[in-house]
Amino acid sequence: MHFSIEQWRAWAPGLEQEADWQAWSLQSEPPAASDSLPDVNFLPAMQRRRLSPLARMAFSVAWPLADAHGAPLPLVFMSRHGETPRTFALLSDVSAQAPLSPTQFSLSVHNAIIGQWSIMRGDTSEMTALAGEGDALEHAIIEAQLLLNEGAPAVLLVIAEDTPPAAYAPWITDVPFPYAVALLLKPGQEWQLQLQANASSADTATAEWPHALNLVRALSNGATTLEHRWRSRQWSWQQNSA
């Protein structure tokens, strides 16, 4: 597959500007623990109040890219775990035999964020919400590439994860801190992504960072190659010379 990354943005607590991510890419230390949330003051207060932390992160990185592009944009949203805080709260209510909130339920489903995005931007372009394993980023790239192949002039790809409730800690170990990454993808030859069989099918879930953050590190420090192994799959990223 070939594509160009026209623009990108990322957010994590304390890492909001490109310079912050450049500094992080050199030290690769987790940011300081924080309850901070991204700024979404471009939205009216009523709309902001309906956004979960996960949605706020996704909107904060994607909205400026969509505004800069100007035209309607197909969107691919990827999150492995989705709205775990909201779903855990709903399950806790079920356990306590408390009444459930229809609003909270409707906003907990995996495609709620793209629904909110479509409504708030008035954009009826094709949009997809996906969940994936450790190579979720690459599968989102495949989905975006299919849209580009069908004639879309650009595709907005967003991948985001929120810190899960403490009860999930034994099972969810791949979210080192809340983060969101947005890529504006266009047809081109800037990047090449190849898939090969991984000779070792060992589980690689213990990688230091989710691969979306490794891509941000590469984009920040000018790296031109990336290798990512997940189970039986080996993904090779190559940035081509101009």
C-alpha atoms as a PDB file:
ATOM      1  CA  MET A   1       0.000   0.000   0.000  1.00  0.00           C
ATOM      2  CA  HIS A   2       1.115   3.524  -0.760  1.00  0.00           C
ATOM      3  CA  PHE A   3      -0.199   6.740   0.774  1.00  0.00           C
ATOM      4  CA  SER A   4       0.864  10.154   2.012  1.00  0.00           C
ATOM      5  CA  ILE A   5       0.489  11.534   5.518  1.00  0.00           C
ATOM      6  CA  GLU A   6      -0.468  15.112   4.702  1.00  0.00           C
ATOM      7  CA  GLN A   7      -0.783  16.256   8.321  1.00  0.00           C
ATOM      8  CA  TRP A   8      -0.899  14.730  11.778  1.00  0.00           C
ATOM      9  CA  ARG A   9      -1.791  15.714  15.319  1.00  0.00           C
ATOM     10  CA  ALA A  10      -1.558  13.887  18.627  1.00  0.00           C
ATOM     11  CA  TRP A  11      -2.617  14.490  22.211  1.00  0.00           C
ATOM     12  CA  ALA A  12      -1.753  12.993  25.577  1.00  0.00           C
ATOM     13  CA  PRO A  13      -1.588  14.631  29.015  1.00  0.00           C
ATOM     14  CA  GLY A  14       1.175  17.229  28.807  1.00  0.00           C
ATOM     15  CA  LEU A  15       1.857  16.416  25.132  1.00  0.00           C
ATOM     16  CA  GLU A  16      -0.238  18.762  23.044  1.00  0.00           C
ATOM     17  CA  GLN A  17       2.041  20.513  20.558  1.00  0.00           C
ATOM     18  CA  GLU A  18       4.383  19.026  17.972  1.00  0.00           C
ATOM     19  CA  ALA A  19       7.361  20.290  19.987  1.00  0.00           C
ATOM     20  CA  ASP A  20       6.102  18.343  23.015  1.00  0.00           C
ATOM     21  CA  TRP A  21       5.991  15.150  20.975  1.00  0.00           C
ATOM     22  CA  GLN A  22       9.446  15.822  19.535  1.00  0.00           C
ATOM     23  CA  ALA A  23      10.823  16.067  23.068  1.00  0.00           C
ATOM     24  CA  TRP A  24       8.964  12.904  24.079  1.00  0.00           C
ATOM     25  CA  SER A  25      10.301  11.020  21.053  1.00  0.00           C
ATOM     26  CA  LEU A  26      13.843  11.585  22.313  1.00  0.00           C
ATOM     27  CA  GLN A  27      13.271  10.401  25.873  1.00  0.00           C
ATOM     28  CA  SER A  28      10.247   8.078  25.448  1.00  0.00           C
ATOM     29  CA  GLU A  29       9.206   8.464  29.083  1.00  0.00           C
ATOM     30  CA  PRO A  30       5.535   8.305  30.049  1.00  0.00           C
ATOM     31  CA  PRO A  31       4.103  11.779  30.607  1.00  0.00           C
ATOM     32  CA  ALA A  32       3.356  12.771  34.169  1.00  0.00           C
ATOM     33  CA  ALA A  33       0.061  11.384  35.428  1.00  0.00           C
ATOM     34  CA  SER A  34      -2.654  13.977  34.994  1.00  0.00           C
ATOM     35  CA  ASP A  35      -6.419  14.336  34.895  1.00  0.00           C
ATOM     36  CA  SER A  36      -6.146  17.038  32.250  1.00  0.00           C
ATOM     37  CA  LEU A  37      -8.423  16.929  29.233  1.00  0.00           C
ATOM     38  CA  PRO A  38      -7.805  18.416  25.783  1.00  0.00           C
ATOM     39  CA  ASP A  39      -9.203  21.798  24.827  1.00  0.00           C
ATOM     40  CA  VAL A  40     -12.338  21.531  22.672  1.00  0.00           C
ATOM     41  CA  ASN A  41     -13.489  25.132  23.061  1.00  0.00           C
ATOM     42  CA  PHE A  42     -14.179  25.237  19.328  1.00  0.00           C
ATOM     43  CA  LEU A  43     -17.448  23.480  20.233  1.00  0.00           C
ATOM     44  CA  PRO A  44     -20.455  25.075  21.956  1.00  0.00           C
ATOM     45  CA  ALA A  45     -20.670  24.321  25.696  1.00  0.00           C
ATOM     46  CA  MET A  46     -23.749  22.107  25.290  1.00  0.00           C
ATOM     47  CA  GLN A  47     -21.938  19.892  22.788  1.00  0.00           C
ATOM     48  CA  ARG A  48     -18.755  19.766  24.874  1.00  0.00           C
ATOM     49  CA  ARG A  49     -20.670  18.450  27.885  1.00  0.00           C
ATOM     50  CA  ARG A  50     -21.838  15.406  25.920  1.00  0.00           C
ATOM     51  CA  LEU A  51     -18.313  14.345  25.006  1.00  0.00           C
ATOM     52  CA  SER A  52     -16.579  11.658  27.025  1.00  0.00           C
ATOM     53  CA  PRO A  53     -12.830  12.016  27.652  1.00  0.00           C
ATOM     54  CA  LEU A  54     -12.233   9.590  24.762  1.00  0.00           C
ATOM     55  CA  ALA A  55     -14.393  11.665  22.432  1.00  0.00           C
ATOM     56  CA  ARG A  56     -12.729  14.900  23.585  1.00  0.00           C
ATOM     57  CA  MET A  57      -9.316  13.445  22.764  1.00  0.00           C
ATOM     58  CA  ALA A  58     -10.463  12.284  19.336  1.00  0.00           C
ATOM     59  CA  PHE A  59     -12.134  15.602  18.513  1.00  0.00           C
ATOM     60  CA  SER A  60      -9.173  17.659  19.734  1.00  0.00           C
ATOM     61  CA  VAL A  61      -6.761  16.060  17.265  1.00  0.00           C
ATOM     62  CA  ALA A  62      -9.147  15.523  14.347  1.00  0.00           C
ATOM     63  CA  TRP A  63     -11.100  18.793  14.256  1.00  0.00           C
ATOM     64  CA  PRO A  64      -8.169  21.084  13.291  1.00  0.00           C
ATOM     65  CA  LEU A  65      -7.153  18.711  10.481  1.00  0.00           C
ATOM     66  CA  ALA A  66     -10.720  18.625   9.146  1.00  0.00           C
ATOM     67  CA  ASP A  67     -10.964  22.417   9.345  1.00  0.00           C
ATOM     68  CA  ALA A  68      -7.666  22.825   7.482  1.00  0.00           C
ATOM     69  CA  HIS A  69      -8.822  20.433   4.764  1.00  0.00           C
ATOM     70  CA  GLY A  70     -12.064  22.329   4.324  1.00  0.00           C
ATOM     71  CA  ALA A  71     -14.106  19.783   2.366  1.00  0.00           C
ATOM     72  CA  PRO A  72     -16.127  16.895   3.844  1.00  0.00           C
ATOM     73  CA  LEU A  73     -13.929  13.969   4.841  1.00  0.00           C
ATOM     74  CA  PRO A  74     -14.458  10.232   5.175  1.00  0.00           C
ATOM     75  CA  LEU A  75     -13.431   9.180   8.685  1.00  0.00           C
ATOM     76  CA  VAL A  76     -11.939   5.964  10.065  1.00  0.00           C
ATOM     77  CA  PHE A  77     -12.073   5.790  13.865  1.00  0.00           C
ATOM     78  CA  MET A  78     -10.123   3.036  15.592  1.00  0.00           C
ATOM     79  CA  SER A  79     -10.123   2.156  19.298  1.00  0.00           C
ATOM     80  CA  ARG A  80      -9.291  -1.250  20.706  1.00  0.00           C
ATOM     81  CA  HIS A  81     -11.159  -0.717  23.976  1.00  0.00           C
ATOM     82  CA  GLY A  82     -13.582   2.113  23.282  1.00  0.00           C
ATOM     83  CA  GLU A  83     -15.671   3.695  26.028  1.00  0.00           C
ATOM     84  CA  THR A  84     -14.590   1.392  28.865  1.00  0.00           C
ATOM     85  CA  PRO A  85     -15.317   3.932  31.658  1.00  0.00           C
ATOM     86  CA  ARG A  86     -18.865   4.441  30.374  1.00  0.00           C
ATOM     87  CA  THR A  87     -19.572   0.755  29.851  1.00  0.00           C
ATOM     88  CA  PHE A  88     -18.121  -0.133  33.260  1.00  0.00           C
ATOM     89  CA  ALA A  89     -20.374   2.473  34.890  1.00  0.00           C
ATOM     90  CA  LEU A  90     -23.382   0.954  33.109  1.00  0.00           C
ATOM     91  CA  LEU A  91     -22.414  -2.559  34.184  1.00  0.00           C
ATOM     92  CA  SER A  92     -22.022  -1.313  37.748  1.00  0.00           C
ATOM     93  CA  ASP A  93     -25.560   0.094  37.597  1.00  0.00           C
ATOM     94  CA  VAL A  94     -26.834  -3.258  36.319  1.00  0.00           C
ATOM     95  CA  SER A  95     -25.060  -5.034  39.180  1.00  0.00           C
ATOM     96  CA  ALA A  96     -26.602  -2.622  41.679  1.00  0.00           C
ATOM     97  CA  GLN A  97     -30.025  -3.008  40.016  1.00  0.00           C
ATOM     98  CA  ALA A  98     -30.058   0.742  39.438  1.00  0.00           C
ATOM     99  CA  PRO A  99     -31.923   2.289  36.500  1.00  0.00           C
ATOM    100  CA  LEU A 100     -29.810   2.743  33.381  1.00  0.00           C
ATOM    101  CA  SER A 101     -29.387   6.040  31.587  1.00  0.00           C
ATOM    102  CA  PRO A 102     -30.510   5.776  27.944  1.00  0.00           C
ATOM    103  CA  THR A 103     -28.179   8.660  27.076  1.00  0.00           C
ATOM    104  CA  GLN A 104     -25.152   7.008  28.653  1.00  0.00           C
ATOM    105  CA  PHE A 105     -25.991   3.736  26.910  1.00  0.00           C
ATOM    106  CA  SER A 106     -26.343   5.384  23.494  1.00  0.00           C
ATOM    107  CA  LEU A 107     -23.005   7.151  23.948  1.00  0.00           C
ATOM    108  CA  SER A 108     -21.204   3.986  25.093  1.00  0.00           C
ATOM    109  CA  VAL A 109     -21.507   2.054  21.826  1.00  0.00           C
ATOM    110  CA  HIS A 110     -18.417   1.856  19.649  1.00  0.00           C
ATOM    111  CA  ASN A 111     -19.718   4.041  16.814  1.00  0.00           C
ATOM    112  CA  ALA A 112     -21.110   6.787  19.069  1.00  0.00           C
ATOM    113  CA  ILE A 113     -18.087   9.027  18.530  1.00  0.00           C
ATOM    114  CA  ILE A 114     -18.367   9.019  14.738  1.00  0.00           C
ATOM    115  CA  GLY A 115     -22.079   9.716  15.119  1.00  0.00           C
ATOM    116  CA  GLN A 116     -21.328  12.743  17.286  1.00  0.00           C
ATOM    117  CA  TRP A 117     -18.659  13.838  14.814  1.00  0.00           C
ATOM    118  CA  SER A 118     -21.037  13.599  11.864  1.00  0.00           C
ATOM    119  CA  ILE A 119     -23.749  15.586  13.662  1.00  0.00           C
ATOM    120  CA  MET A 120     -21.494  18.299  15.060  1.00  0.00           C
ATOM    121  CA  ARG A 121     -19.673  18.873  11.775  1.00  0.00           C
ATOM    122  CA  GLY A 122     -22.706  18.334   9.559  1.00  0.00           C
ATOM    123  CA  ASP A 123     -20.632  15.847   7.556  1.00  0.00           C
ATOM    124  CA  THR A 124     -22.408  12.858   6.001  1.00  0.00           C
ATOM    125  CA  SER A 125     -19.294  11.325   4.451  1.00  0.00           C
ATOM    126  CA  GLU A 126     -18.655   7.602   4.861  1.00  0.00           C
ATOM    127  CA  MET A 127     -17.438   6.873   8.395  1.00  0.00           C
ATOM    128  CA  THR A 128     -16.320   3.652  10.054  1.00  0.00           C
ATOM    129  CA  ALA A 129     -15.659   2.692  13.685  1.00  0.00           C
ATOM    130  CA  LEU A 130     -13.313  -0.263  14.188  1.00  0.00           C
ATOM    131  CA  ALA A 131     -11.809  -2.234  17.055  1.00  0.00           C
ATOM    132  CA  GLY A 132      -8.543  -4.085  16.580  1.00  0.00           C
ATOM    133  CA  GLU A 133      -5.709  -5.852  18.347  1.00  0.00           C
ATOM    134  CA  GLY A 134      -2.144  -4.682  18.731  1.00  0.00           C
ATOM    135  CA  ASP A 135      -1.879  -3.844  15.030  1.00  0.00           C
ATOM    136  CA  ALA A 136      -5.092  -1.824  15.019  1.00  0.00           C
ATOM    137  CA  LEU A 137      -3.307   1.123  13.405  1.00  0.00           C
ATOM    138  CA  GLU A 138      -2.347  -0.923  10.361  1.00  0.00           C
ATOM    139  CA  HIS A 139      -5.889  -2.248   9.961  1.00  0.00           C
ATOM    140  CA  ALA A 140      -7.191   1.324  10.126  1.00  0.00           C
ATOM    141  CA  ILE A 141      -4.687   2.222   7.396  1.00  0.00           C
ATOM    142  CA  ILE A 142      -6.081  -0.608   5.251  1.00  0.00           C
ATOM    143  CA  GLU A 143      -9.625   0.736   5.705  1.00  0.00           C
ATOM    144  CA  ALA A 144      -8.478   4.237   4.797  1.00  0.00           C
ATOM    145  CA  GLN A 145      -6.563   2.925   1.787  1.00  0.00           C
ATOM    146  CA  LEU A 146      -9.723   1.247   0.487  1.00  0.00           C
ATOM    147  CA  LEU A 147     -11.551   4.583   0.690  1.00  0.00           C
ATOM    148  CA  LEU A 148      -8.699   6.309  -1.163  1.00  0.00           C
ATOM    149  CA  ASN A 149      -8.783   3.595  -3.822  1.00  0.00           C
ATOM    150  CA  GLU A 150     -12.503   4.255  -4.268  1.00  0.00           C
ATOM    151  CA  GLY A 151     -11.764   7.869  -5.126  1.00  0.00           C
ATOM    152  CA  ALA A 152     -11.793   9.752  -1.831  1.00  0.00           C
ATOM    153  CA  PRO A 153      -9.361  12.674  -2.164  1.00  0.00           C
ATOM    154  CA  ALA A 154      -8.426  12.372   1.515  1.00  0.00           C
ATOM    155  CA  VAL A 155      -9.336  10.307   4.584  1.00  0.00           C
ATOM    156  CA  LEU A 156      -9.155  11.287   8.238  1.00  0.00           C
ATOM    157  CA  LEU A 157      -7.879   8.468  10.459  1.00  0.00           C
ATOM    158  CA  VAL A 158      -8.214   8.750  14.240  1.00  0.00           C
ATOM    159  CA  ILE A 159      -6.994   6.235  16.806  1.00  0.00           C
ATOM    160  CA  ALA A 160      -7.671   6.876  20.502  1.00  0.00           C
ATOM    161  CA  GLU A 161      -7.589   5.057  23.835  1.00  0.00           C
ATOM    162  CA  ASP A 162      -8.645   6.139  27.320  1.00  0.00           C
ATOM    163  CA  THR A 163      -7.324   4.782  30.608  1.00  0.00           C
ATOM    164  CA  PRO A 164      -9.610   1.877  31.566  1.00  0.00           C
ATOM    165  CA  PRO A 165     -11.186   1.538  35.015  1.00  0.00           C
ATOM    166  CA  ALA A 166      -8.917  -0.016  37.632  1.00  0.00           C
ATOM    167  CA  ALA A 167     -11.013  -3.201  37.629  1.00  0.00           C
ATOM    168  CA  TYR A 168      -9.769  -3.936  34.089  1.00  0.00           C
ATOM    169  CA  ALA A 169      -6.080  -3.601  34.984  1.00  0.00           C
ATOM    170  CA  PRO A 170      -5.334  -7.364  34.902  1.00  0.00           C
ATOM    171  CA  TRP A 171      -6.633  -7.607  31.322  1.00  0.00           C
ATOM    172  CA  ILE A 172      -6.012  -4.238  29.651  1.00  0.00           C
ATOM    173  CA  THR A 173      -2.272  -3.612  29.691  1.00  0.00           C
ATOM    174  CA  ASP A 174      -1.736  -1.782  26.402  1.00  0.00           C
ATOM    175  CA  VAL A 175      -2.869   1.747  27.345  1.00  0.00           C
ATOM    176  CA  PRO A 176       0.135   3.347  29.088  1.00  0.00           C
ATOM    177  CA  PHE A 177      -1.680   6.704  29.212  1.00  0.00           C
ATOM    178  CA  PRO A 178      -4.645   8.322  27.453  1.00  0.00           C
ATOM    179  CA  TYR A 179      -3.816   9.330  23.900  1.00  0.00           C
ATOM    180  CA  ALA A 180      -5.269  10.192  20.527  1.00  0.00           C
ATOM    181  CA  VAL A 181      -3.599  10.396  17.110  1.00  0.00           C
ATOM    182  CA  ALA A 182      -5.107  11.821  13.929  1.00  0.00           C
ATOM    183  CA  LEU A 183      -3.670  11.403  10.433  1.00  0.00           C
ATOM    184  CA  LEU A 184      -4.842  13.143   7.278  1.00  0.00           C
ATOM    185  CA  LEU A 185      -4.127  10.606   4.562  1.00  0.00           C
ATOM    186  CA  LYS A 186      -4.063  11.304   0.833  1.00  0.00           C
ATOM    187  CA  PRO A 187      -3.137   9.296  -2.261  1.00  0.00           C
ATOM    188  CA  GLY A 188       0.608   9.367  -2.850  1.00  0.00           C
ATOM    189  CA  GLN A 189       3.893   7.536  -2.615  1.00  0.00           C
ATOM    190  CA  GLU A 190       5.335   9.094   0.551  1.00  0.00           C
ATOM    191  CA  TRP A 191       4.801   5.991   2.687  1.00  0.00           C
ATOM    192  CA  GLN A 192       4.788   2.318   1.789  1.00  0.00           C
ATOM    193  CA  LEU A 193       3.225  -0.264   4.112  1.00  0.00           C
ATOM    194  CA  GLN A 194       3.905  -3.978   3.546  1.00  0.00           C
ATOM    195  CA  LEU A 195       2.543  -7.047   5.290  1.00  0.00           C
ATOM    196  CA  GLN A 196       4.491 -10.291   5.576  1.00  0.00           C
ATOM    197  CA  ALA A 197       4.129 -13.439   7.634  1.00  0.00           C
ATOM    198  CA  ASN A 198       5.868 -13.183  10.990  1.00  0.00           C
ATOM    199  CA  ALA A 199       8.267 -16.096  11.385  1.00  0.00           C
ATOM    200  CA  SER A 200       7.638 -16.034  15.135  1.00  0.00           C
ATOM    201  CA  SER A 201       3.973 -15.976  16.084  1.00  0.00           C
ATOM    202  CA  ALA A 202       4.733 -15.140  19.712  1.00  0.00           C
ATOM    203  CA  ASP A 203       2.377 -12.651  21.307  1.00  0.00           C
ATOM    204  CA  THR A 204       3.956  -9.184  21.216  1.00  0.00           C
ATOM    205  CA  ALA A 205       1.468  -7.465  23.525  1.00  0.00           C
ATOM    206  CA  THR A 206       4.343  -6.464  25.827  1.00  0.00           C
ATOM    207  CA  ALA A 207       5.705  -3.879  23.343  1.00  0.00           C
ATOM    208  CA  GLU A 208       6.809  -0.696  25.093  1.00  0.00           C
ATOM    209  CA  TRP A 209       4.283   1.544  23.343  1.00  0.00           C
ATOM    210  CA  PRO A 210       1.153   1.054  21.247  1.00  0.00           C
ATOM    211  CA  HIS A 211       2.163   1.253  17.613  1.00  0.00           C
ATOM    212  CA  ALA A 212       0.234   4.479  17.002  1.00  0.00           C
ATOM    213  CA  LEU A 213       2.598   6.153  19.491  1.00  0.00           C
ATOM    214  CA  ASN A 214       5.611   4.583  17.773  1.00  0.00           C
ATOM    215  CA  LEU A 215       4.408   6.166  14.534  1.00  0.00           C
ATOM    216  CA  VAL A 216       4.115   9.552  16.264  1.00  0.00           C
ATOM    217  CA  ARG A 217       7.676   9.110  17.514  1.00  0.00           C
ATOM    218  CA  ALA A 218       8.863   8.353  13.983  1.00  0.00           C
ATOM    219  CA  LEU A 219       7.005  11.343  12.534  1.00  0.00           C
ATOM    220  CA  SER A 220       8.453  13.551  15.267  1.00  0.00           C
ATOM    221  CA  ASN A 221      12.091  12.550  14.907  1.00  0.00           C
ATOM    222  CA  GLY A 222      12.224  11.974  11.157  1.00  0.00           C
ATOM    223  CA  ALA A 223      12.616   8.184  11.187  1.00  0.00           C
ATOM    224  CA  THR A 224      11.980   6.675   7.751  1.00  0.00           C
ATOM    225  CA  THR A 225      11.377   3.022   8.677  1.00  0.00           C
ATOM    226  CA  LEU A 226       9.239   1.177  11.196  1.00  0.00           C
ATOM    227  CA  GLU A 227       8.888  -2.528  11.909  1.00  0.00           C
ATOM    228  CA  HIS A 228       5.898  -3.862  13.810  1.00  0.00           C
ATOM    229  CA  ARG A 229       5.272  -7.510  14.633  1.00  0.00           C
ATOM    230  CA  TRP A 230       1.984  -8.712  16.010  1.00  0.00           C
ATOM    231  CA  ARG A 231       1.185 -12.412  16.291  1.00  0.00           C
ATOM    232  CA  SER A 232       1.539 -13.923  12.798  1.00  0.00           C
ATOM    233  CA  ARG A 233       1.815 -10.533  11.065  1.00  0.00           C
ATOM    234  CA  GLN A 234       4.881  -8.415  10.341  1.00  0.00           C
ATOM    235  CA  TRP A 235       4.267  -4.860   9.135  1.00  0.00           C
ATOM    236  CA  SER A 236       7.022  -2.853   7.470  1.00  0.00           C
ATOM    237  CA  TRP A 237       6.738   0.921   7.071  1.00  0.00           C
ATOM    238  CA  GLN A 238       9.039   2.740   4.662  1.00  0.00           C
ATOM    239  CA  GLN A 239       9.108   6.447   3.937  1.00  0.00           C
ATOM    240  CA  ASN A 240      10.207   7.023   0.356  1.00  0.00           C
ATOM    241  CA  SER A 241      12.599   9.738  -0.722  1.00  0.00           C
ATOM    242  CA  ALA A 242      11.081  12.881  -2.206  1.00  0.00           C
END
